[in-house]
């Protein structure tokens, strides 16, 4: 399975699908760069994304991955807000996702146990 970074649609909801693929952490930086390239040209407003973390199976990002994620957030989220569902995180990783969401004013993140629950989160109306 190769890394994927592409716009998808589910029941009328457009979202960016991100998956590092079978090589997991090795492709994470590629996926983050791809997300950056696809998000920047979007008109200002809410962007939705689903990150499939299952190929990483418990991987916690290192400083290089966190640095790339911060760059994407800084560049992309000047004019956008982001609703991000992260599939396949549990335990400590889920706590990290919730903590990151609490610290960011422009990103709402949810650890989602299944792709279906992630899509339901992305489809919710913005309040």
N, C-alpha and C. Protein backbone atom coordinates (compact mmCIF):
# COMPACT_ATOMS: atom_id res chain seq x y z
N UNK A 1 0.85 -1.18 0.00
CA UNK A 1 0.00 0.00 0.00
C UNK A 1 0.89 1.24 0.00
N UNK A 2 0.66 2.15 -0.93
CA UNK A 2 1.48 3.35 -1.01
C UNK A 2 0.82 4.50 -0.27
N UNK A 3 1.59 5.54 -0.04
CA UNK A 3 1.07 6.73 0.63
C UNK A 3 0.00 7.38 -0.24
N UNK A 4 -1.03 7.94 0.41
CA UNK A 4 -2.13 8.56 -0.30
C UNK A 4 -2.40 9.94 0.28
N UNK A 5 -2.61 10.89 -0.60
CA UNK A 5 -2.99 12.24 -0.22
C UNK A 5 -3.85 12.77 -1.36
N UNK A 6 -5.18 12.75 -1.13
CA UNK A 6 -6.09 13.14 -2.22
C UNK A 6 -7.41 13.63 -1.66
N UNK A 7 -8.08 14.47 -2.45
CA UNK A 7 -9.42 14.91 -2.10
C UNK A 7 -10.40 13.79 -2.39
N UNK A 8 -11.33 13.56 -1.47
CA UNK A 8 -12.38 12.56 -1.64
C UNK A 8 -13.70 13.19 -1.23
N UNK A 9 -14.77 12.49 -1.54
CA UNK A 9 -16.09 12.96 -1.15
C UNK A 9 -16.89 11.78 -0.62
N UNK A 10 -17.64 12.04 0.45
CA UNK A 10 -18.51 11.02 1.03
C UNK A 10 -19.82 11.68 1.41
N UNK A 11 -20.89 11.23 0.78
CA UNK A 11 -22.24 11.77 1.05
C UNK A 11 -22.25 13.28 1.05
N UNK A 12 -21.65 13.87 0.05
CA UNK A 12 -21.66 15.32 -0.13
C UNK A 12 -20.64 16.09 0.67
N UNK A 13 -19.82 15.41 1.46
CA UNK A 13 -18.80 16.07 2.28
C UNK A 13 -17.44 15.84 1.63
N UNK A 14 -16.78 16.93 1.26
CA UNK A 14 -15.45 16.86 0.66
C UNK A 14 -14.41 16.89 1.76
N UNK A 15 -13.45 15.99 1.67
CA UNK A 15 -12.40 15.93 2.68
C UNK A 15 -11.10 15.45 2.04
N UNK A 16 -10.01 15.78 2.68
CA UNK A 16 -8.70 15.35 2.24
C UNK A 16 -8.38 14.04 2.95
N UNK A 17 -8.13 12.99 2.17
CA UNK A 17 -7.78 11.69 2.73
C UNK A 17 -6.27 11.56 2.75
N UNK A 18 -5.73 11.28 3.93
CA UNK A 18 -4.29 11.17 4.13
C UNK A 18 -3.97 9.82 4.75
N UNK A 19 -3.05 9.09 4.14
CA UNK A 19 -2.64 7.80 4.67
C UNK A 19 -1.17 7.57 4.33
N UNK A 20 -0.33 7.28 5.32
CA UNK A 20 1.09 7.07 5.04
C UNK A 20 1.40 5.76 4.34
N UNK A 21 0.42 4.87 4.20
CA UNK A 21 0.64 3.63 3.47
C UNK A 21 1.37 2.58 4.27
N UNK A 22 1.70 1.50 3.57
CA UNK A 22 2.30 0.33 4.21
C UNK A 22 3.66 0.55 4.80
N UNK A 23 4.37 1.61 4.38
CA UNK A 23 5.70 1.86 4.93
C UNK A 23 5.64 2.79 6.13
N UNK A 24 4.44 3.17 6.51
CA UNK A 24 4.20 3.92 7.73
C UNK A 24 4.98 5.20 7.87
N UNK A 25 5.75 5.29 8.93
CA UNK A 25 6.44 6.53 9.30
C UNK A 25 7.35 7.05 8.19
N UNK A 26 7.88 6.16 7.36
CA UNK A 26 8.76 6.60 6.28
C UNK A 26 8.03 7.51 5.30
N UNK A 27 6.73 7.35 5.17
CA UNK A 27 5.96 8.14 4.21
C UNK A 27 5.23 9.31 4.86
N UNK A 28 5.32 9.46 6.16
CA UNK A 28 4.58 10.50 6.86
C UNK A 28 4.95 11.89 6.35
N UNK A 29 6.21 12.19 6.18
CA UNK A 29 6.63 13.51 5.68
C UNK A 29 6.08 13.76 4.29
N UNK A 30 6.07 12.73 3.44
CA UNK A 30 5.51 12.88 2.08
C UNK A 30 4.03 13.23 2.15
N UNK A 31 3.30 12.56 3.03
CA UNK A 31 1.87 12.82 3.17
C UNK A 31 1.64 14.25 3.67
N UNK A 32 2.43 14.71 4.63
CA UNK A 32 2.28 16.07 5.14
C UNK A 32 2.58 17.11 4.07
N UNK A 33 3.62 16.87 3.27
CA UNK A 33 3.92 17.80 2.17
C UNK A 33 2.79 17.80 1.14
N UNK A 34 2.26 16.63 0.84
CA UNK A 34 1.14 16.54 -0.10
C UNK A 34 -0.09 17.28 0.41
N UNK A 35 -0.36 17.15 1.70
CA UNK A 35 -1.49 17.87 2.30
C UNK A 35 -1.29 19.37 2.16
N UNK A 36 -0.10 19.83 2.42
CA UNK A 36 0.22 21.25 2.29
C UNK A 36 -0.07 21.73 0.87
N UNK A 37 0.42 20.99 -0.11
CA UNK A 37 0.24 21.39 -1.52
C UNK A 37 -1.24 21.43 -1.92
N UNK A 38 -2.05 20.54 -1.37
CA UNK A 38 -3.46 20.50 -1.73
C UNK A 38 -4.31 21.51 -0.96
N UNK A 39 -3.91 21.84 0.26
CA UNK A 39 -4.71 22.75 1.08
C UNK A 39 -4.48 24.22 0.76
N UNK A 40 -3.23 24.59 0.48
CA UNK A 40 -2.90 26.00 0.30
C UNK A 40 -3.77 26.70 -0.75
N UNK A 41 -4.02 26.10 -1.93
CA UNK A 41 -4.81 26.82 -2.93
C UNK A 41 -6.31 26.87 -2.64
N UNK A 42 -6.78 26.20 -1.62
CA UNK A 42 -8.21 26.18 -1.30
C UNK A 42 -8.67 27.56 -0.82
N UNK A 43 -9.92 27.92 -1.15
CA UNK A 43 -10.44 29.20 -0.66
C UNK A 43 -10.51 29.22 0.86
N UNK A 44 -10.41 30.40 1.48
CA UNK A 44 -10.47 30.49 2.94
C UNK A 44 -11.73 29.83 3.49
N UNK A 45 -11.60 29.27 4.67
CA UNK A 45 -12.73 28.63 5.34
C UNK A 45 -12.34 27.30 5.93
N UNK A 46 -13.35 26.47 6.19
CA UNK A 46 -13.16 25.18 6.83
C UNK A 46 -12.66 24.14 5.84
N UNK A 47 -11.61 23.44 6.22
CA UNK A 47 -11.13 22.28 5.48
C UNK A 47 -11.35 21.06 6.36
N UNK A 48 -11.67 19.95 5.73
CA UNK A 48 -11.86 18.70 6.46
C UNK A 48 -10.81 17.70 5.99
N UNK A 49 -10.31 16.89 6.93
CA UNK A 49 -9.31 15.89 6.57
C UNK A 49 -9.49 14.64 7.43
N UNK A 50 -9.20 13.50 6.82
CA UNK A 50 -9.21 12.22 7.52
C UNK A 50 -7.81 11.65 7.38
N UNK A 51 -7.15 11.45 8.52
CA UNK A 51 -5.80 10.86 8.53
C UNK A 51 -5.92 9.43 9.02
N UNK A 52 -5.60 8.48 8.16
CA UNK A 52 -5.66 7.07 8.53
C UNK A 52 -4.32 6.67 9.15
N UNK A 53 -4.32 6.61 10.45
CA UNK A 53 -3.11 6.32 11.22
C UNK A 53 -2.84 4.82 11.38
N UNK A 54 -3.76 3.98 10.92
CA UNK A 54 -3.62 2.54 11.17
C UNK A 54 -2.31 1.95 10.65
N UNK A 55 -1.78 2.36 9.49
CA UNK A 55 -0.49 1.79 9.07
C UNK A 55 0.67 2.12 10.01
N UNK A 56 0.50 3.15 10.82
CA UNK A 56 1.58 3.54 11.74
C UNK A 56 1.55 2.72 13.02
N UNK A 57 0.47 2.04 13.30
CA UNK A 57 0.27 1.16 14.46
C UNK A 57 1.06 1.55 15.71
N UNK A 58 0.61 2.61 16.36
CA UNK A 58 1.21 3.01 17.62
C UNK A 58 2.39 3.96 17.51
N UNK A 59 2.78 4.33 16.30
CA UNK A 59 3.89 5.25 16.09
C UNK A 59 3.57 6.61 16.68
N UNK A 60 4.50 7.16 17.45
CA UNK A 60 4.39 8.53 17.92
C UNK A 60 5.38 9.37 17.12
N UNK A 61 4.93 10.51 16.59
CA UNK A 61 5.81 11.30 15.73
C UNK A 61 7.02 11.85 16.47
N UNK A 62 8.13 11.93 15.76
CA UNK A 62 9.35 12.51 16.30
C UNK A 62 9.41 14.00 15.99
N UNK A 63 10.51 14.63 16.31
CA UNK A 63 10.63 16.07 16.12
C UNK A 63 10.54 16.48 14.66
N UNK A 64 11.07 15.66 13.74
CA UNK A 64 10.99 16.00 12.31
C UNK A 64 9.55 16.02 11.83
N UNK A 65 8.78 15.01 12.21
CA UNK A 65 7.38 14.95 11.79
C UNK A 65 6.56 16.06 12.43
N UNK A 66 6.81 16.33 13.71
CA UNK A 66 6.08 17.41 14.37
C UNK A 66 6.44 18.77 13.76
N UNK A 67 7.71 18.94 13.40
CA UNK A 67 8.12 20.18 12.74
C UNK A 67 7.43 20.38 11.41
N UNK A 68 7.32 19.33 10.63
CA UNK A 68 6.61 19.41 9.34
C UNK A 68 5.13 19.69 9.56
N UNK A 69 4.53 19.06 10.54
CA UNK A 69 3.12 19.30 10.84
C UNK A 69 2.90 20.75 11.28
N UNK A 70 3.81 21.31 12.08
CA UNK A 70 3.71 22.71 12.49
C UNK A 70 3.83 23.65 11.31
N UNK A 71 4.73 23.32 10.36
CA UNK A 71 4.89 24.16 9.17
C UNK A 71 3.61 24.17 8.35
N UNK A 72 3.03 22.99 8.15
CA UNK A 72 1.77 22.90 7.41
C UNK A 72 0.70 23.71 8.12
N UNK A 73 0.61 23.55 9.43
CA UNK A 73 -0.40 24.28 10.19
C UNK A 73 -0.19 25.78 10.07
N UNK A 74 1.03 26.24 10.21
CA UNK A 74 1.32 27.67 10.14
C UNK A 74 0.99 28.23 8.76
N UNK A 75 1.42 27.54 7.71
CA UNK A 75 1.21 28.03 6.35
C UNK A 75 -0.24 27.91 5.90
N UNK A 76 -0.85 26.77 6.13
CA UNK A 76 -2.19 26.51 5.61
C UNK A 76 -3.25 27.22 6.43
N UNK A 77 -3.08 27.26 7.72
CA UNK A 77 -4.18 27.71 8.56
C UNK A 77 -4.19 29.21 8.82
N UNK A 78 -3.49 29.96 8.01
CA UNK A 78 -3.61 31.42 8.10
C UNK A 78 -5.02 31.85 7.73
N UNK A 79 -5.58 31.22 6.70
CA UNK A 79 -6.91 31.59 6.21
C UNK A 79 -7.91 30.45 6.31
N UNK A 80 -7.51 29.35 6.93
CA UNK A 80 -8.37 28.19 7.02
C UNK A 80 -8.49 27.71 8.46
N UNK A 81 -9.55 26.99 8.73
CA UNK A 81 -9.63 26.18 9.94
C UNK A 81 -9.69 24.74 9.47
N UNK A 82 -9.36 23.82 10.34
CA UNK A 82 -9.26 22.42 9.95
C UNK A 82 -10.00 21.54 10.93
N UNK A 83 -10.83 20.66 10.39
CA UNK A 83 -11.47 19.61 11.18
C UNK A 83 -10.79 18.32 10.75
N UNK A 84 -10.06 17.68 11.66
CA UNK A 84 -9.23 16.53 11.35
C UNK A 84 -9.64 15.32 12.19
N UNK A 85 -10.00 14.25 11.51
CA UNK A 85 -10.28 12.98 12.19
C UNK A 85 -9.07 12.08 12.00
N UNK A 86 -8.60 11.48 13.08
CA UNK A 86 -7.44 10.60 13.03
C UNK A 86 -7.91 9.19 13.37
N UNK A 87 -7.88 8.31 12.37
CA UNK A 87 -8.39 6.96 12.53
C UNK A 87 -7.30 6.04 13.07
N UNK A 88 -7.67 5.22 14.04
CA UNK A 88 -6.77 4.18 14.51
C UNK A 88 -5.85 4.57 15.64
N UNK A 89 -6.17 5.62 16.38
CA UNK A 89 -5.34 5.98 17.53
C UNK A 89 -6.07 5.59 18.81
N UNK A 90 -5.33 5.06 19.73
CA UNK A 90 -5.89 4.66 21.02
C UNK A 90 -4.88 5.01 22.11
N UNK A 91 -5.32 4.91 23.32
CA UNK A 91 -4.43 5.09 24.47
C UNK A 91 -3.70 6.41 24.47
N UNK A 92 -2.38 6.35 24.63
CA UNK A 92 -1.54 7.54 24.72
C UNK A 92 -1.65 8.37 23.44
N UNK A 93 -1.67 7.71 22.30
CA UNK A 93 -1.77 8.44 21.02
C UNK A 93 -3.06 9.24 20.94
N UNK A 94 -4.17 8.67 21.40
CA UNK A 94 -5.44 9.40 21.41
C UNK A 94 -5.37 10.60 22.33
N UNK A 95 -4.70 10.44 23.47
CA UNK A 95 -4.54 11.57 24.39
C UNK A 95 -3.71 12.67 23.76
N UNK A 96 -2.68 12.31 22.99
CA UNK A 96 -1.86 13.29 22.28
C UNK A 96 -2.72 14.05 21.27
N UNK A 97 -3.56 13.34 20.52
CA UNK A 97 -4.43 13.99 19.53
C UNK A 97 -5.37 14.97 20.23
N UNK A 98 -6.00 14.54 21.33
CA UNK A 98 -6.91 15.44 22.05
C UNK A 98 -6.16 16.65 22.61
N UNK A 99 -4.95 16.45 23.10
CA UNK A 99 -4.14 17.56 23.62
C UNK A 99 -3.76 18.55 22.52
N UNK A 100 -3.39 18.03 21.37
CA UNK A 100 -3.05 18.90 20.25
C UNK A 100 -4.27 19.72 19.83
N UNK A 101 -5.44 19.11 19.84
CA UNK A 101 -6.66 19.81 19.48
C UNK A 101 -6.95 20.93 20.47
N UNK A 102 -6.77 20.65 21.75
CA UNK A 102 -7.04 21.64 22.79
C UNK A 102 -6.11 22.84 22.69
N UNK A 103 -4.88 22.62 22.21
CA UNK A 103 -3.89 23.70 22.16
C UNK A 103 -3.98 24.54 20.88
N UNK A 104 -4.70 24.08 19.89
CA UNK A 104 -4.78 24.79 18.63
C UNK A 104 -6.12 25.48 18.50
N UNK A 105 -6.09 26.73 18.15
CA UNK A 105 -7.33 27.46 17.96
C UNK A 105 -7.95 27.26 16.59
N UNK A 106 -7.20 26.71 15.65
CA UNK A 106 -7.70 26.61 14.28
C UNK A 106 -7.85 25.16 13.81
N UNK A 107 -7.55 24.22 14.68
CA UNK A 107 -7.66 22.81 14.32
C UNK A 107 -8.51 22.10 15.37
N UNK A 108 -9.53 21.41 14.90
CA UNK A 108 -10.32 20.56 15.78
C UNK A 108 -10.01 19.13 15.38
N UNK A 109 -9.40 18.37 16.29
CA UNK A 109 -9.01 16.99 16.00
C UNK A 109 -9.79 16.03 16.88
N UNK A 110 -10.08 14.87 16.28
CA UNK A 110 -10.76 13.84 17.03
C UNK A 110 -10.12 12.49 16.73
N UNK A 111 -9.70 11.77 17.77
CA UNK A 111 -9.27 10.39 17.54
C UNK A 111 -10.53 9.57 17.23
N UNK A 112 -10.52 8.85 16.13
CA UNK A 112 -11.69 8.09 15.70
C UNK A 112 -11.33 6.61 15.62
N UNK A 113 -12.13 5.74 16.25
CA UNK A 113 -11.80 4.32 16.23
C UNK A 113 -11.97 3.67 14.86
N UNK A 114 -12.86 4.21 14.03
CA UNK A 114 -13.14 3.61 12.72
C UNK A 114 -13.24 4.70 11.65
N UNK A 115 -13.05 4.33 10.39
CA UNK A 115 -13.27 5.31 9.31
C UNK A 115 -14.70 5.85 9.30
N UNK A 116 -15.66 5.02 9.64
CA UNK A 116 -17.06 5.46 9.65
C UNK A 116 -17.29 6.55 10.71
N UNK A 117 -16.71 6.37 11.89
CA UNK A 117 -16.87 7.40 12.92
C UNK A 117 -16.13 8.68 12.54
N UNK A 118 -15.01 8.53 11.83
CA UNK A 118 -14.27 9.70 11.36
C UNK A 118 -15.10 10.49 10.35
N UNK A 119 -15.73 9.79 9.42
CA UNK A 119 -16.55 10.46 8.41
C UNK A 119 -17.76 11.15 9.05
N UNK A 120 -18.34 10.53 10.07
CA UNK A 120 -19.46 11.15 10.78
C UNK A 120 -19.01 12.45 11.45
N UNK A 121 -17.83 12.45 12.06
CA UNK A 121 -17.28 13.65 12.67
C UNK A 121 -17.06 14.75 11.63
N UNK A 122 -16.50 14.38 10.48
CA UNK A 122 -16.24 15.37 9.43
C UNK A 122 -17.52 15.96 8.88
N UNK A 123 -18.60 15.18 8.86
CA UNK A 123 -19.86 15.63 8.27
C UNK A 123 -20.68 16.52 9.20
N UNK A 124 -20.36 16.53 10.49
CA UNK A 124 -21.13 17.33 11.44
C UNK A 124 -21.14 18.80 11.01
N UNK A 125 -22.25 19.43 11.28
CA UNK A 125 -22.37 20.86 11.00
C UNK A 125 -21.42 21.64 11.92
N UNK A 126 -20.88 22.71 11.40
CA UNK A 126 -20.00 23.55 12.19
C UNK A 126 -20.84 24.44 13.09
N UNK A 127 -20.48 24.47 14.37
CA UNK A 127 -21.25 25.31 15.30
C UNK A 127 -20.52 26.59 15.60
